[in-house]
Amino acid sequence: MKDEEIISLYFRRDERAIEETDLKYGKYCKTIAKNILWSEQDIEECLDDTYVKVWNRIPPTKPRIFRAFIAKITRDLALNMFNASKSSKRGNGVVNEVLDELAECIPDNSDVEHSVLEKELESVIKDFVNSLDPKDAYIFTSRYFYAEEIANIATKFGMTRHNVTVVLGRLRKKLQGRLVKEGYLAS
């Protein structure tokens, strides 16, 4: 079923929308959740919560890119579950690695002023990713949006783990430069 048809089911409040969403994007969402959570029970709970959240958001929201819409919801829920657990074992350590890697180039959002600027920062990062060539954008989002392991990214592109690590380091440095230029980080 096409995304537009699935969204139409949501707007009609037809419960088949959830079934069709699961058929089309269930494995995709499960992979996103698994990259972060690594617990089968938590993954299933995350997927259930994803479908509830999608049901509650559509309508009024009419997503332009349904796949990205559902992926972001799944990722956000999985990260919230991960943070709630405060367990370094959960996520097989990958989420902690990802957060540590990004710590050097993402400003601390702990105070109110930075919280207000969060949307602007999100926009700068989105523009940064959009400015990358497709391969670099895919590598960056695979690691820092979907929390994929470096070995999986390397396999997808026929690269070595070292090459992927070097590319990610270069991209983080480039992002850091962009954030300094935009005034989000001190130089």
N, C-alpha and C. Protein backbone atom coordinates (compact mmCIF):
# COMPACT_ATOMS: atom_id res chain seq x y z
N MET A 1 0.85 -1.18 0.00
CA MET A 1 0.00 0.00 0.00
C MET A 1 0.89 1.24 0.00
N LYS A 2 0.51 2.24 -0.74
CA LYS A 2 1.28 3.49 -0.82
C LYS A 2 1.11 4.30 0.46
N ASP A 3 2.13 5.11 0.76
CA ASP A 3 2.11 5.93 1.97
C ASP A 3 0.87 6.82 2.03
N GLU A 4 0.51 7.41 0.91
CA GLU A 4 -0.65 8.30 0.88
C GLU A 4 -1.92 7.56 1.29
N GLU A 5 -2.04 6.32 0.86
CA GLU A 5 -3.20 5.51 1.21
C GLU A 5 -3.21 5.18 2.70
N ILE A 6 -2.04 4.89 3.25
CA ILE A 6 -1.94 4.61 4.69
C ILE A 6 -2.32 5.85 5.49
N ILE A 7 -1.79 6.99 5.09
CA ILE A 7 -2.10 8.25 5.78
C ILE A 7 -3.60 8.54 5.69
N SER A 8 -4.18 8.24 4.56
CA SER A 8 -5.62 8.42 4.39
C SER A 8 -6.41 7.56 5.37
N LEU A 9 -5.93 6.34 5.62
CA LEU A 9 -6.58 5.48 6.61
C LEU A 9 -6.53 6.11 8.01
N TYR A 10 -5.40 6.72 8.33
CA TYR A 10 -5.29 7.40 9.63
C TYR A 10 -6.30 8.54 9.72
N PHE A 11 -6.41 9.30 8.65
CA PHE A 11 -7.35 10.43 8.65
C PHE A 11 -8.80 9.95 8.77
N ARG A 12 -9.09 8.76 8.26
CA ARG A 12 -10.44 8.21 8.40
C ARG A 12 -10.61 7.47 9.72
N ARG A 13 -9.53 7.41 10.53
CA ARG A 13 -9.52 6.72 11.82
C ARG A 13 -9.81 5.23 11.65
N ASP A 14 -9.31 4.69 10.56
CA ASP A 14 -9.46 3.28 10.25
C ASP A 14 -8.27 2.53 10.88
N GLU A 15 -8.55 1.58 11.76
CA GLU A 15 -7.49 0.88 12.48
C GLU A 15 -6.59 0.05 11.57
N ARG A 16 -7.01 -0.19 10.35
CA ARG A 16 -6.14 -0.88 9.38
C ARG A 16 -4.88 -0.07 9.11
N ALA A 17 -4.91 1.24 9.40
CA ALA A 17 -3.74 2.09 9.19
C ALA A 17 -2.54 1.55 9.96
N ILE A 18 -2.78 1.10 11.18
CA ILE A 18 -1.69 0.57 12.01
C ILE A 18 -1.18 -0.75 11.42
N GLU A 19 -2.09 -1.60 10.98
CA GLU A 19 -1.68 -2.87 10.36
C GLU A 19 -0.84 -2.62 9.11
N GLU A 20 -1.30 -1.70 8.28
CA GLU A 20 -0.57 -1.39 7.04
C GLU A 20 0.78 -0.74 7.33
N THR A 21 0.81 0.09 8.35
CA THR A 21 2.08 0.72 8.75
C THR A 21 3.05 -0.35 9.21
N ASP A 22 2.56 -1.29 10.00
CA ASP A 22 3.41 -2.37 10.49
C ASP A 22 3.90 -3.25 9.34
N LEU A 23 3.01 -3.55 8.40
CA LEU A 23 3.41 -4.36 7.25
C LEU A 23 4.52 -3.69 6.44
N LYS A 24 4.36 -2.39 6.23
CA LYS A 24 5.30 -1.69 5.36
C LYS A 24 6.57 -1.25 6.09
N TYR A 25 6.44 -0.82 7.34
CA TYR A 25 7.58 -0.22 8.03
C TYR A 25 7.95 -0.90 9.35
N GLY A 26 7.30 -2.00 9.68
CA GLY A 26 7.58 -2.68 10.95
C GLY A 26 9.03 -3.11 11.09
N LYS A 27 9.58 -3.77 10.08
CA LYS A 27 10.98 -4.23 10.14
C LYS A 27 11.94 -3.04 10.22
N TYR A 28 11.63 -2.01 9.46
CA TYR A 28 12.45 -0.80 9.45
C TYR A 28 12.49 -0.16 10.84
N CYS A 29 11.33 0.00 11.45
CA CYS A 29 11.25 0.59 12.79
C CYS A 29 11.90 -0.31 13.83
N LYS A 30 11.74 -1.61 13.66
CA LYS A 30 12.34 -2.56 14.60
C LYS A 30 13.87 -2.45 14.55
N THR A 31 14.42 -2.27 13.37
CA THR A 31 15.86 -2.11 13.23
C THR A 31 16.35 -0.85 13.94
N ILE A 32 15.61 0.24 13.78
CA ILE A 32 15.97 1.49 14.45
C ILE A 32 15.95 1.28 15.96
N ALA A 33 14.88 0.70 16.47
CA ALA A 33 14.77 0.48 17.92
C ALA A 33 15.86 -0.48 18.41
N LYS A 34 16.15 -1.52 17.63
CA LYS A 34 17.16 -2.51 18.03
C LYS A 34 18.54 -1.88 18.11
N ASN A 35 18.85 -0.96 17.21
CA ASN A 35 20.16 -0.30 17.23
C ASN A 35 20.37 0.47 18.53
N ILE A 36 19.30 0.87 19.17
CA ILE A 36 19.39 1.67 20.39
C ILE A 36 19.15 0.83 21.64
N LEU A 37 18.18 -0.08 21.60
CA LEU A 37 17.73 -0.74 22.82
C LEU A 37 18.33 -2.13 23.06
N TRP A 38 18.38 -2.98 22.08
CA TRP A 38 18.95 -4.32 22.16
C TRP A 38 18.20 -5.28 23.06
N SER A 39 17.07 -4.91 23.57
CA SER A 39 16.26 -5.81 24.39
C SER A 39 14.97 -6.06 23.63
N GLU A 40 14.69 -7.32 23.35
CA GLU A 40 13.52 -7.67 22.53
C GLU A 40 12.23 -7.12 23.15
N GLN A 41 12.12 -7.20 24.45
CA GLN A 41 10.92 -6.70 25.12
C GLN A 41 10.80 -5.18 24.96
N ASP A 42 11.92 -4.46 25.13
CA ASP A 42 11.90 -3.01 24.96
C ASP A 42 11.64 -2.61 23.52
N ILE A 43 12.18 -3.40 22.59
CA ILE A 43 11.96 -3.12 21.17
C ILE A 43 10.48 -3.22 20.84
N GLU A 44 9.83 -4.28 21.30
CA GLU A 44 8.40 -4.47 21.05
C GLU A 44 7.59 -3.35 21.70
N GLU A 45 7.95 -2.97 22.91
CA GLU A 45 7.25 -1.87 23.58
C GLU A 45 7.43 -0.57 22.81
N CYS A 46 8.63 -0.35 22.31
CA CYS A 46 8.90 0.85 21.52
C CYS A 46 8.05 0.87 20.26
N LEU A 47 7.94 -0.27 19.58
CA LEU A 47 7.12 -0.34 18.36
C LEU A 47 5.66 -0.07 18.68
N ASP A 48 5.16 -0.66 19.76
CA ASP A 48 3.78 -0.41 20.15
C ASP A 48 3.56 1.08 20.43
N ASP A 49 4.49 1.67 21.16
CA ASP A 49 4.39 3.10 21.47
C ASP A 49 4.48 3.95 20.21
N THR A 50 5.29 3.50 19.25
CA THR A 50 5.41 4.21 17.98
C THR A 50 4.06 4.27 17.28
N TYR A 51 3.39 3.13 17.18
CA TYR A 51 2.11 3.09 16.48
C TYR A 51 1.06 3.93 17.18
N VAL A 52 1.07 3.93 18.50
CA VAL A 52 0.13 4.77 19.26
C VAL A 52 0.40 6.25 18.99
N LYS A 53 1.68 6.60 18.99
CA LYS A 53 2.04 8.00 18.77
C LYS A 53 1.69 8.45 17.34
N VAL A 54 1.93 7.58 16.37
CA VAL A 54 1.57 7.91 14.99
C VAL A 54 0.05 8.08 14.89
N TRP A 55 -0.70 7.17 15.53
CA TRP A 55 -2.17 7.25 15.53
C TRP A 55 -2.63 8.57 16.13
N ASN A 56 -1.98 9.02 17.20
CA ASN A 56 -2.38 10.26 17.86
C ASN A 56 -1.95 11.51 17.12
N ARG A 57 -0.93 11.40 16.29
CA ARG A 57 -0.44 12.58 15.55
C ARG A 57 -1.10 12.76 14.19
N ILE A 58 -1.60 11.66 13.63
CA ILE A 58 -2.26 11.75 12.32
C ILE A 58 -3.74 11.45 12.53
N PRO A 59 -4.67 12.32 12.26
CA PRO A 59 -4.48 13.76 12.10
C PRO A 59 -4.14 14.42 13.44
N PRO A 60 -3.76 15.64 13.48
CA PRO A 60 -3.84 16.66 12.44
C PRO A 60 -2.63 16.68 11.50
N THR A 61 -1.51 16.11 11.95
CA THR A 61 -0.31 16.14 11.11
C THR A 61 -0.53 15.31 9.85
N LYS A 62 -0.05 15.83 8.73
CA LYS A 62 -0.05 15.07 7.48
C LYS A 62 1.40 15.04 7.00
N PRO A 63 2.12 13.95 7.37
CA PRO A 63 3.55 13.90 7.04
C PRO A 63 3.81 13.90 5.54
N ARG A 64 4.83 14.67 5.16
CA ARG A 64 5.23 14.69 3.74
C ARG A 64 5.96 13.40 3.38
N ILE A 65 6.85 12.95 4.27
CA ILE A 65 7.61 11.73 4.04
C ILE A 65 7.31 10.79 5.21
N PHE A 66 6.37 9.89 5.00
CA PHE A 66 5.88 9.03 6.07
C PHE A 66 6.99 8.19 6.68
N ARG A 67 7.88 7.66 5.85
CA ARG A 67 8.99 6.83 6.34
C ARG A 67 9.85 7.61 7.33
N ALA A 68 10.19 8.84 7.01
CA ALA A 68 11.01 9.67 7.90
C ALA A 68 10.23 10.04 9.16
N PHE A 69 8.95 10.30 9.00
CA PHE A 69 8.08 10.66 10.12
C PHE A 69 8.05 9.53 11.15
N ILE A 70 7.81 8.32 10.69
CA ILE A 70 7.72 7.19 11.61
C ILE A 70 9.10 6.83 12.17
N ALA A 71 10.14 7.00 11.38
CA ALA A 71 11.50 6.72 11.86
C ALA A 71 11.89 7.65 13.00
N LYS A 72 11.55 8.92 12.86
CA LYS A 72 11.89 9.89 13.91
C LYS A 72 11.13 9.58 15.19
N ILE A 73 9.88 9.22 15.07
CA ILE A 73 9.10 8.86 16.26
C ILE A 73 9.72 7.64 16.95
N THR A 74 10.05 6.61 16.17
CA THR A 74 10.64 5.40 16.72
C THR A 74 11.96 5.71 17.40
N ARG A 75 12.80 6.48 16.73
CA ARG A 75 14.11 6.83 17.28
C ARG A 75 13.97 7.61 18.57
N ASP A 76 13.10 8.61 18.59
CA ASP A 76 12.91 9.43 19.79
C ASP A 76 12.40 8.59 20.96
N LEU A 77 11.45 7.71 20.70
CA LEU A 77 10.93 6.85 21.76
C LEU A 77 12.01 5.90 22.28
N ALA A 78 12.79 5.33 21.37
CA ALA A 78 13.86 4.41 21.78
C ALA A 78 14.92 5.14 22.61
N LEU A 79 15.27 6.34 22.20
CA LEU A 79 16.25 7.11 22.97
C LEU A 79 15.69 7.48 24.34
N ASN A 80 14.42 7.82 24.41
CA ASN A 80 13.80 8.12 25.71
C ASN A 80 13.82 6.88 26.61
N MET A 81 13.54 5.72 26.04
CA MET A 81 13.59 4.48 26.82
C MET A 81 15.02 4.20 27.28
N PHE A 82 15.96 4.43 26.39
CA PHE A 82 17.38 4.22 26.73
C PHE A 82 17.78 5.14 27.87
N ASN A 83 17.44 6.42 27.75
CA ASN A 83 17.80 7.39 28.79
C ASN A 83 17.12 7.06 30.12
N ALA A 84 15.90 6.57 30.07
CA ALA A 84 15.18 6.22 31.29
C ALA A 84 15.86 5.06 32.01
N SER A 85 16.46 4.18 31.26
CA SER A 85 17.09 3.00 31.86
C SER A 85 18.40 3.35 32.56
N LYS A 86 19.10 4.35 32.05
CA LYS A 86 20.41 4.75 32.59
C LYS A 86 21.37 3.57 32.73
N SER A 87 21.23 2.62 31.82
CA SER A 87 22.05 1.42 31.89
C SER A 87 23.08 1.43 30.77
N SER A 88 24.33 1.33 31.11
CA SER A 88 25.36 1.33 30.07
C SER A 88 25.37 0.03 29.28
N LYS A 89 24.75 -1.04 29.83
CA LYS A 89 24.70 -2.31 29.10
C LYS A 89 23.69 -2.25 27.97
N ARG A 90 22.63 -1.48 28.15
CA ARG A 90 21.58 -1.41 27.16
C ARG A 90 22.12 -0.72 25.91
N GLY A 91 21.66 -1.11 24.76
CA GLY A 91 22.13 -0.54 23.52
C GLY A 91 23.47 -1.09 23.12
N ASN A 92 23.92 -2.14 23.81
CA ASN A 92 25.19 -2.76 23.49
C ASN A 92 26.32 -1.75 23.50
N GLY A 93 26.14 -0.63 24.20
CA GLY A 93 27.16 0.39 24.29
C GLY A 93 27.21 1.33 23.09
N VAL A 94 26.48 1.05 22.03
CA VAL A 94 26.55 1.85 20.80
C VAL A 94 26.00 3.25 21.04
N VAL A 95 24.89 3.37 21.75
CA VAL A 95 24.31 4.69 21.98
C VAL A 95 25.28 5.55 22.78
N ASN A 96 25.89 4.96 23.80
CA ASN A 96 26.88 5.72 24.57
C ASN A 96 28.04 6.15 23.70
N GLU A 97 28.50 5.26 22.80
CA GLU A 97 29.58 5.60 21.88
C GLU A 97 29.17 6.78 20.99
N VAL A 98 27.97 6.70 20.43
CA VAL A 98 27.47 7.75 19.53
C VAL A 98 27.41 9.08 20.27
N LEU A 99 26.87 9.07 21.48
CA LEU A 99 26.76 10.31 22.25
C LEU A 99 28.13 10.86 22.61
N ASP A 100 29.06 9.97 22.95
CA ASP A 100 30.43 10.42 23.24
C ASP A 100 31.09 11.02 22.02
N GLU A 101 30.90 10.40 20.85
CA GLU A 101 31.50 10.91 19.62
C GLU A 101 30.98 12.31 19.29
N LEU A 102 29.68 12.52 19.50
CA LEU A 102 29.08 13.81 19.16
C LEU A 102 29.30 14.87 20.24
N ALA A 103 29.70 14.47 21.44
CA ALA A 103 29.83 15.42 22.55
C ALA A 103 30.76 16.58 22.23
N GLU A 104 31.79 16.31 21.43
CA GLU A 104 32.76 17.35 21.12
C GLU A 104 32.24 18.43 20.18
N CYS A 105 31.18 18.13 19.44
CA CYS A 105 30.71 19.12 18.47
C CYS A 105 29.26 19.54 18.64
N ILE A 106 28.58 19.05 19.66
CA ILE A 106 27.21 19.48 19.93
C ILE A 106 27.22 20.26 21.24
N PRO A 107 26.68 21.47 21.23
CA PRO A 107 26.69 22.27 22.45
C PRO A 107 25.82 21.67 23.55
N ASP A 108 26.16 21.99 24.80
CA ASP A 108 25.40 21.54 25.95
C ASP A 108 24.08 22.30 25.98
N ASN A 109 22.97 21.57 26.05
CA ASN A 109 21.65 22.20 26.05
C ASN A 109 21.02 22.19 27.44
N SER A 110 21.84 22.29 28.48
CA SER A 110 21.29 22.15 29.81
C SER A 110 20.63 23.41 30.34
N ASP A 111 20.95 24.58 29.80
CA ASP A 111 20.29 25.77 30.33
C ASP A 111 19.12 26.20 29.44
N VAL A 112 18.30 27.06 30.00
CA VAL A 112 17.05 27.46 29.34
C VAL A 112 17.32 28.15 28.00
N GLU A 113 18.31 29.02 27.95
CA GLU A 113 18.61 29.75 26.71
C GLU A 113 18.89 28.78 25.57
N HIS A 114 19.69 27.76 25.84
CA HIS A 114 20.00 26.79 24.79
C HIS A 114 18.77 25.96 24.41
N SER A 115 17.91 25.70 25.37
CA SER A 115 16.70 24.94 25.07
C SER A 115 15.82 25.69 24.08
N VAL A 116 15.78 27.00 24.21
CA VAL A 116 14.98 27.81 23.30
C VAL A 116 15.56 27.77 21.89
N LEU A 117 16.87 27.65 21.79
CA LEU A 117 17.54 27.66 20.49
C LEU A 117 17.63 26.26 19.86
N GLU A 118 17.05 25.26 20.50
CA GLU A 118 17.15 23.89 20.03
C GLU A 118 16.65 23.73 18.60
N LYS A 119 15.53 24.35 18.26
CA LYS A 119 14.98 24.23 16.90
C LYS A 119 15.94 24.82 15.86
N GLU A 120 16.56 25.95 16.21
CA GLU A 120 17.53 26.55 15.29
C GLU A 120 18.71 25.61 15.08
N LEU A 121 19.20 25.02 16.15
CA LEU A 121 20.31 24.08 16.06
C LEU A 121 19.92 22.89 15.19
N GLU A 122 18.72 22.38 15.38
CA GLU A 122 18.23 21.27 14.57
C GLU A 122 18.25 21.64 13.09
N SER A 123 17.85 22.85 12.79
CA SER A 123 17.85 23.33 11.41
C SER A 123 19.27 23.41 10.84
N VAL A 124 20.21 23.89 11.64
CA VAL A 124 21.60 23.99 11.20
C VAL A 124 22.15 22.60 10.90
N ILE A 125 21.86 21.63 11.77
CA ILE A 125 22.35 20.28 11.56
C ILE A 125 21.70 19.65 10.33
N LYS A 126 20.41 19.90 10.14
CA LYS A 126 19.72 19.38 8.95
C LYS A 126 20.34 19.97 7.68
N ASP A 127 20.61 21.28 7.69
CA ASP A 127 21.25 21.92 6.54
C ASP A 127 22.64 21.34 6.31
N PHE A 128 23.37 21.08 7.40
CA PHE A 128 24.70 20.49 7.29
C PHE A 128 24.62 19.14 6.59
N VAL A 129 23.72 18.28 7.04
CA VAL A 129 23.58 16.95 6.45
C VAL A 129 23.16 17.06 4.98
N ASN A 130 22.24 17.98 4.69
CA ASN A 130 21.80 18.17 3.31
C ASN A 130 22.92 18.69 2.40
N SER A 131 23.91 19.35 2.97
CA SER A 131 25.02 19.88 2.17
C SER A 131 26.06 18.81 1.84
N LEU A 132 26.00 17.67 2.51
CA LEU A 132 26.98 16.61 2.29
C LEU A 132 26.66 15.84 1.01
N ASP A 133 27.69 15.20 0.46
CA ASP A 133 27.40 14.33 -0.68
C ASP A 133 26.61 13.14 -0.13
N PRO A 134 25.86 12.46 -0.99
CA PRO A 134 24.95 11.41 -0.52
C PRO A 134 25.61 10.33 0.34
N LYS A 135 26.81 9.90 -0.03
CA LYS A 135 27.48 8.84 0.73
C LYS A 135 27.81 9.33 2.14
N ASP A 136 28.39 10.52 2.26
CA ASP A 136 28.72 11.07 3.58
C ASP A 136 27.46 11.30 4.41
N ALA A 137 26.40 11.79 3.77
CA ALA A 137 25.14 12.02 4.48
C ALA A 137 24.59 10.70 5.01
N TYR A 138 24.67 9.66 4.20
CA TYR A 138 24.18 8.35 4.63
C TYR A 138 25.01 7.82 5.80
N ILE A 139 26.32 7.94 5.71
CA ILE A 139 27.20 7.47 6.79
C ILE A 139 26.90 8.24 8.08
N PHE A 140 26.78 9.56 7.97
CA PHE A 140 26.52 10.41 9.14
C PHE A 140 25.18 10.05 9.79
N THR A 141 24.12 9.98 8.99
CA THR A 141 22.80 9.69 9.56
C THR A 141 22.71 8.25 10.05
N SER A 142 23.38 7.33 9.39
CA SER A 142 23.37 5.94 9.86
C SER A 142 23.95 5.85 11.26
N ARG A 143 25.03 6.57 11.48
CA ARG A 143 25.69 6.52 12.79
C ARG A 143 24.97 7.38 13.83
N TYR A 144 24.67 8.62 13.47
CA TYR A 144 24.22 9.58 14.49
C TYR A 144 22.70 9.77 14.56
N PHE A 145 21.97 9.25 13.61
CA PHE A 145 20.51 9.28 13.73
C PHE A 145 19.99 7.89 14.07
N TYR A 146 20.48 6.87 13.36
CA TYR A 146 20.01 5.51 13.56
C TYR A 146 20.86 4.69 14.51
N ALA A 147 21.98 5.25 14.99
CA ALA A 147 22.88 4.59 15.95
C ALA A 147 23.38 3.24 15.45
N GLU A 148 23.68 3.16 14.16
CA GLU A 148 24.20 1.91 13.61
C GLU A 148 25.65 1.72 14.02
N GLU A 149 26.04 0.47 14.14
CA GLU A 149 27.42 0.17 14.47
C GLU A 149 28.31 0.44 13.26
N ILE A 150 29.54 0.83 13.54
CA ILE A 150 30.49 1.18 12.48
C ILE A 150 30.71 -0.01 11.55
N ALA A 151 30.77 -1.21 12.09
CA ALA A 151 30.97 -2.40 11.25
C ALA A 151 29.84 -2.57 10.23
N ASN A 152 28.60 -2.29 10.62
CA ASN A 152 27.47 -2.40 9.69
C ASN A 152 27.57 -1.37 8.58
N ILE A 153 27.95 -0.15 8.95
CA ILE A 153 28.10 0.92 7.95
C ILE A 153 29.21 0.55 6.97
N ALA A 154 30.31 0.05 7.50
CA ALA A 154 31.45 -0.35 6.66
C ALA A 154 31.02 -1.42 5.66
N THR A 155 30.26 -2.38 6.12
CA THR A 155 29.80 -3.46 5.25
C THR A 155 28.92 -2.92 4.12
N LYS A 156 28.02 -2.01 4.45
CA LYS A 156 27.11 -1.45 3.44
C LYS A 156 27.85 -0.76 2.31
N PHE A 157 28.99 -0.14 2.64
CA PHE A 157 29.72 0.62 1.63
C PHE A 157 30.99 -0.06 1.15
N GLY A 158 31.24 -1.27 1.61
CA GLY A 158 32.45 -1.98 1.20
C GLY A 158 33.70 -1.24 1.68
N MET A 159 33.61 -0.67 2.85
CA MET A 159 34.73 0.08 3.43
C MET A 159 35.27 -0.70 4.63
N THR A 160 36.44 -0.29 5.10
CA THR A 160 36.94 -0.85 6.34
C THR A 160 36.35 -0.05 7.49
N ARG A 161 36.38 -0.64 8.67
CA ARG A 161 35.91 0.08 9.86
C ARG A 161 36.74 1.34 10.06
N HIS A 162 38.03 1.23 9.80
CA HIS A 162 38.91 2.39 9.97
C HIS A 162 38.50 3.53 9.04
N ASN A 163 38.20 3.18 7.78
CA ASN A 163 37.77 4.22 6.82
C ASN A 163 36.50 4.92 7.30
N VAL A 164 35.54 4.15 7.79
CA VAL A 164 34.30 4.74 8.30
C VAL A 164 34.60 5.64 9.48
N THR A 165 35.45 5.20 10.38
CA THR A 165 35.83 6.00 11.55
C THR A 165 36.48 7.31 11.11
N VAL A 166 37.34 7.25 10.11
CA VAL A 166 38.00 8.46 9.60
C VAL A 166 36.97 9.41 8.98
N VAL A 167 36.07 8.87 8.18
CA VAL A 167 35.02 9.70 7.55
C VAL A 167 34.16 10.35 8.63
N LEU A 168 33.76 9.58 9.64
CA LEU A 168 32.94 10.14 10.72
C LEU A 168 33.69 11.23 11.48
N GLY A 169 34.97 11.01 11.73
CA GLY A 169 35.78 12.03 12.40
C GLY A 169 35.84 13.31 11.58
N ARG A 170 36.04 13.16 10.28
CA ARG A 170 36.09 14.33 9.39
C ARG A 170 34.75 15.06 9.38
N LEU A 171 33.66 14.31 9.35
CA LEU A 171 32.33 14.91 9.33
C LEU A 171 32.02 15.62 10.65
N ARG A 172 32.42 15.02 11.77
CA ARG A 172 32.20 15.68 13.07
C ARG A 172 32.99 16.98 13.14
N LYS A 173 34.22 16.96 12.63
CA LYS A 173 35.05 18.16 12.63
C LYS A 173 34.42 19.24 11.75
N LYS A 174 33.88 18.83 10.62
CA LYS A 174 33.20 19.75 9.71
C LYS A 174 31.94 20.33 10.37
N LEU A 175 31.17 19.48 11.05
CA LEU A 175 29.99 19.95 11.77
C LEU A 175 30.39 20.91 12.88
N GLN A 176 31.44 20.56 13.59
CA GLN A 176 31.92 21.43 14.66
C GLN A 176 32.29 22.81 14.11
N GLY A 177 32.98 22.83 12.97
CA GLY A 177 33.32 24.10 12.33
C GLY A 177 32.09 24.90 11.95
N ARG A 178 31.10 24.21 11.44
CA ARG A 178 29.83 24.87 11.07
C ARG A 178 29.15 25.46 12.30
N LEU A 179 29.14 24.72 13.40
CA LEU A 179 28.50 25.19 14.63
C LEU A 179 29.26 26.36 15.26
N VAL A 180 30.58 26.36 15.11
CA VAL A 180 31.37 27.51 15.58
C VAL A 180 31.01 28.72 14.73
N LYS A 181 30.97 28.53 13.43
CA LYS A 181 30.62 29.62 12.50
C LYS A 181 29.24 30.19 12.79
N GLU A 182 28.29 29.31 13.14
CA GLU A 182 26.91 29.73 13.42
C GLU A 182 26.76 30.29 14.83
N GLY A 183 27.81 30.20 15.65
CA GLY A 183 27.76 30.75 17.00
C GLY A 183 27.24 29.81 18.06
N TYR A 184 27.12 28.53 17.77
CA TYR A 184 26.62 27.56 18.75
C TYR A 184 27.74 27.03 19.64
N LEU A 185 28.97 27.11 19.17
CA LEU A 185 30.13 26.66 19.93
C LEU A 185 31.19 27.74 19.92
N ALA A 186 31.97 27.79 20.99
CA ALA A 186 33.11 28.70 21.02
C ALA A 186 34.26 28.06 20.26
N SER A 187 35.05 28.88 19.60
CA SER A 187 36.15 28.32 18.81
C SER A 187 37.34 27.94 19.63
